[in-house]
Amino acid sequence: IDSAQADVGTLPASSFKIFSSLYGLESGVVKDADFVIPWDSVDYGRSVINRDLSLRESIVHSAYWYHREVARRAGAATLKHWLDTVGYGNADTTGGFDRTWVAGALRITPREQVHFLERLVRNELPFSQRSMDIVKDITQQEDTLGYRLHGKTGWAMGSEGSIGWFVGWVEKDDGSGP
C-alpha cells in the first residue's frame, strides 16, 4: 500500500460487491452462488449484464443493478447493521443506501480494504462460514501454477475524481493465503 494513500477513504465502487454478497447471503436475500435475480429490463449499456443474473455472474460481470437490488431487498437497516457490525469503512449510507458504494457517502481506505479481506480469508468476519466460503468461491478469478487469485475490481467517479480498485488475495494450493 502506498503510505501516502493508505488512509485516504474513497468510494469502494464495485469492490463493495464482496461485502454486498456476504450480507446478502447472511440476511437470506441471496440463497447461494447460483441465486438468480431477474433483470429489471433497464439497458445498462452492456449486453452481458442486461439479463437475469446469478450472484456468481454478478461478480464476474460486475453488475451494479444486482447489488442495488440486494440492498433494496435487504433494506437500509440491514445494510447499516452489517456495515457497522463489520466496521466496513466509514459505514455511512447517506446519499442513498442502494447506491452508497458508487455515489453516496460510503468511503473505505486501502488499509481498511486490506484488513477486511484479511478477516475474510481468515474466517474472522461476523458472517457464517457458509457465506464466507461462497464469497471466496465466487471471487476466484484464476487457478493456475499452484495459486488461486481471488479479487474484485471497482471503478467510480466521485468528488475525489476517478477511483479504481483491484482488491483481492492469492491463495496457494496448500491452502496458505495472503
Protein backbone atom coordinates (compact mmCIF):
# COMPACT_ATOMS: atom_id res chain seq x y z
CA ILE A 1 0.00 0.00 0.00
CA ASP A 2 1.27 3.48 -0.88
CA SER A 3 1.77 5.04 2.56
CA ALA A 4 0.56 8.44 1.34
CA GLN A 5 -2.76 6.95 0.20
CA ALA A 6 -3.21 4.13 2.74
CA ASP A 7 -5.54 6.08 4.99
CA VAL A 8 -7.41 8.14 2.39
CA GLY A 9 -11.02 6.99 2.13
CA THR A 10 -12.70 6.80 -1.27
CA LEU A 11 -15.80 5.20 -2.74
CA PRO A 12 -15.42 1.41 -2.72
CA ALA A 13 -17.18 1.23 -6.11
CA SER A 14 -17.67 -2.36 -7.29
CA SER A 15 -15.15 -3.73 -4.80
CA PHE A 16 -18.14 -3.35 -2.42
CA LYS A 17 -19.77 -6.33 -4.14
CA ILE A 18 -17.66 -8.63 -1.95
CA PHE A 19 -19.30 -7.11 1.13
CA SER A 20 -22.70 -6.97 -0.58
CA SER A 21 -22.51 -10.68 -1.39
CA LEU A 22 -21.67 -11.51 2.22
CA TYR A 23 -24.51 -9.58 3.81
CA GLY A 24 -26.93 -10.62 1.05
CA LEU A 25 -26.21 -14.26 1.79
CA GLU A 26 -26.24 -13.78 5.54
CA SER A 27 -29.56 -11.93 5.54
CA GLY A 28 -31.18 -14.60 3.33
CA VAL A 29 -31.87 -12.18 0.47
CA VAL A 30 -29.49 -14.26 -1.66
CA LYS A 31 -29.74 -18.03 -1.17
CA ASP A 32 -26.49 -19.24 -2.76
CA ALA A 33 -23.96 -18.53 -5.52
CA ASP A 34 -26.45 -19.52 -8.19
CA PHE A 35 -29.34 -17.44 -6.84
CA VAL A 36 -30.85 -15.54 -9.77
CA ILE A 37 -32.34 -12.07 -9.58
CA PRO A 38 -34.47 -11.15 -12.60
CA TRP A 39 -33.16 -8.30 -14.74
CA ASP A 40 -35.16 -5.08 -14.36
CA SER A 41 -35.21 -4.55 -18.18
CA VAL A 42 -33.15 -1.36 -17.96
CA ASP A 43 -30.43 -1.15 -20.62
CA TYR A 44 -27.14 -0.75 -18.75
CA GLY A 45 -25.12 -0.49 -21.95
CA ARG A 46 -23.53 -3.92 -21.53
CA SER A 47 -25.40 -6.87 -23.01
CA VAL A 48 -23.62 -9.27 -20.67
CA ILE A 49 -25.50 -7.78 -17.69
CA ASN A 50 -28.76 -6.95 -19.46
CA ARG A 51 -30.31 -10.27 -18.42
CA ASP A 52 -31.24 -12.32 -15.37
CA LEU A 53 -28.07 -12.99 -13.37
CA SER A 54 -26.89 -15.23 -10.55
CA LEU A 55 -24.79 -13.92 -7.68
CA ARG A 56 -21.72 -15.53 -9.25
CA GLU A 57 -22.42 -13.87 -12.61
CA SER A 58 -23.00 -10.52 -10.91
CA ILE A 59 -19.45 -10.68 -9.55
CA VAL A 60 -17.85 -11.91 -12.77
CA HIS A 61 -19.59 -9.27 -14.90
CA SER A 62 -19.71 -6.55 -12.21
CA ALA A 63 -23.45 -5.99 -12.40
CA TYR A 64 -24.31 -2.91 -10.34
CA TRP A 65 -28.05 -3.48 -10.69
CA TYR A 66 -27.87 -6.90 -9.00
CA HIS A 67 -26.26 -5.50 -5.86
CA ARG A 68 -28.58 -2.49 -5.85
CA GLU A 69 -31.44 -5.00 -5.79
CA VAL A 70 -29.77 -6.94 -2.94
CA ALA A 71 -29.64 -3.67 -0.97
CA ARG A 72 -33.28 -2.89 -1.73
CA ARG A 73 -34.48 -6.37 -0.76
CA ALA A 74 -32.44 -6.40 2.45
CA GLY A 75 -33.39 -2.82 3.33
CA ALA A 76 -31.48 0.15 4.67
CA ALA A 77 -31.48 -1.07 8.28
CA THR A 78 -29.95 -4.44 7.36
CA LEU A 79 -27.22 -2.84 5.26
CA LYS A 80 -26.41 -0.35 8.02
CA HIS A 81 -26.36 -3.13 10.62
CA TRP A 82 -23.79 -5.13 8.66
CA LEU A 83 -21.66 -2.09 7.79
CA ASP A 84 -21.49 -1.20 11.49
CA THR A 85 -21.03 -4.77 12.70
CA VAL A 86 -18.17 -5.46 10.30
CA GLY A 87 -16.69 -1.97 10.61
CA TYR A 88 -16.65 -1.58 6.83
CA GLY A 89 -15.08 1.79 6.04
CA ASN A 90 -16.96 4.74 7.49
CA ALA A 91 -20.27 2.77 7.32
CA ASP A 92 -22.05 5.89 6.03
CA THR A 93 -25.12 5.23 3.87
CA THR A 94 -26.02 8.89 3.38
CA GLY A 95 -26.91 9.63 -0.22
CA GLY A 96 -28.94 6.50 -0.82
CA PHE A 97 -28.40 3.13 0.80
CA ASP A 98 -28.92 1.35 -2.53
CA ARG A 99 -26.08 3.18 -4.27
CA THR A 100 -23.88 4.47 -1.44
CA TRP A 101 -20.87 2.49 -2.70
CA VAL A 102 -20.83 4.27 -6.08
CA ALA A 103 -22.44 7.66 -5.49
CA GLY A 104 -23.06 8.10 -1.77
CA ALA A 105 -21.07 8.89 1.34
CA LEU A 106 -19.58 5.43 1.96
CA ARG A 107 -15.79 5.59 2.00
CA ILE A 108 -13.12 3.00 2.66
CA THR A 109 -9.34 3.32 2.77
CA PRO A 110 -6.89 0.92 1.15
CA ARG A 111 -5.74 -0.10 4.63
CA GLU A 112 -9.34 -0.88 5.63
CA GLN A 113 -9.84 -2.88 2.41
CA VAL A 114 -6.78 -5.00 3.22
CA HIS A 115 -7.97 -5.55 6.80
CA PHE A 116 -11.47 -6.53 5.60
CA LEU A 117 -10.05 -9.08 3.13
CA GLU A 118 -7.62 -10.47 5.71
CA ARG A 119 -10.56 -11.07 8.04
CA LEU A 120 -12.48 -12.77 5.21
CA VAL A 121 -9.57 -15.05 4.29
CA ARG A 122 -9.02 -15.95 7.97
CA ASN A 123 -12.75 -16.54 8.54
CA GLU A 124 -12.81 -13.79 11.17
CA LEU A 125 -15.75 -11.77 9.85
CA PRO A 126 -19.08 -11.95 11.72
CA PHE A 127 -20.70 -13.91 8.88
CA SER A 128 -21.39 -17.64 8.76
CA GLN A 129 -18.71 -19.95 7.42
CA ARG A 130 -21.10 -20.82 4.59
CA SER A 131 -21.44 -17.19 3.48
CA MET A 132 -17.68 -16.62 3.61
CA ASP A 133 -16.97 -19.84 1.68
CA ILE A 134 -19.44 -18.90 -1.06
CA VAL A 135 -17.90 -15.44 -1.44
CA LYS A 136 -14.39 -16.85 -1.56
CA ASP A 137 -15.54 -19.22 -4.29
CA ILE A 138 -17.28 -16.59 -6.45
CA THR A 139 -14.37 -14.15 -6.25
CA GLN A 140 -11.87 -16.65 -7.66
CA GLN A 141 -10.53 -15.26 -10.93
CA GLU A 142 -7.64 -17.56 -11.79
CA ASP A 143 -6.44 -21.03 -10.81
CA THR A 144 -3.01 -21.69 -12.22
CA LEU A 145 0.50 -22.90 -11.36
CA GLY A 146 -0.35 -23.77 -7.79
CA TYR A 147 -2.06 -20.48 -6.99
CA ARG A 148 -5.59 -19.11 -6.99
CA LEU A 149 -6.25 -15.42 -7.46
CA HIS A 150 -9.36 -14.02 -5.78
CA GLY A 151 -10.49 -10.45 -6.22
CA LYS A 152 -12.83 -7.78 -7.45
CA THR A 153 -12.36 -4.65 -9.49
CA GLY A 154 -14.10 -1.36 -8.88
CA TRP A 155 -14.36 1.94 -10.74
CA ALA A 156 -16.31 5.09 -9.87
CA MET A 157 -16.31 8.82 -10.39
CA GLY A 158 -16.51 10.56 -7.04
CA SER A 159 -15.86 14.02 -5.68
CA GLU A 160 -12.25 12.84 -5.37
CA GLY A 161 -12.10 12.14 -9.11
CA SER A 162 -11.79 8.73 -10.75
CA ILE A 163 -11.39 5.86 -8.32
CA GLY A 164 -10.09 2.48 -9.42
CA TRP A 165 -9.67 -0.60 -7.26
CA PHE A 166 -8.44 -4.12 -7.52
CA VAL A 167 -8.82 -5.82 -4.17
CA GLY A 168 -8.01 -9.45 -3.61
CA TRP A 169 -5.63 -12.11 -2.42
CA VAL A 170 -3.59 -15.03 -3.68
CA GLU A 171 -4.03 -18.48 -2.18
CA LYS A 172 -1.54 -21.31 -2.64
CA ASP A 173 -2.70 -24.83 -3.43
CA ASP A 174 -1.56 -25.87 0.04
CA GLY A 175 -4.30 -23.60 1.45
CA SER A 176 -1.98 -20.89 2.69
CA GLY A 177 -3.11 -17.43 1.84
CA PRO A 178 -2.18 -13.88 1.54
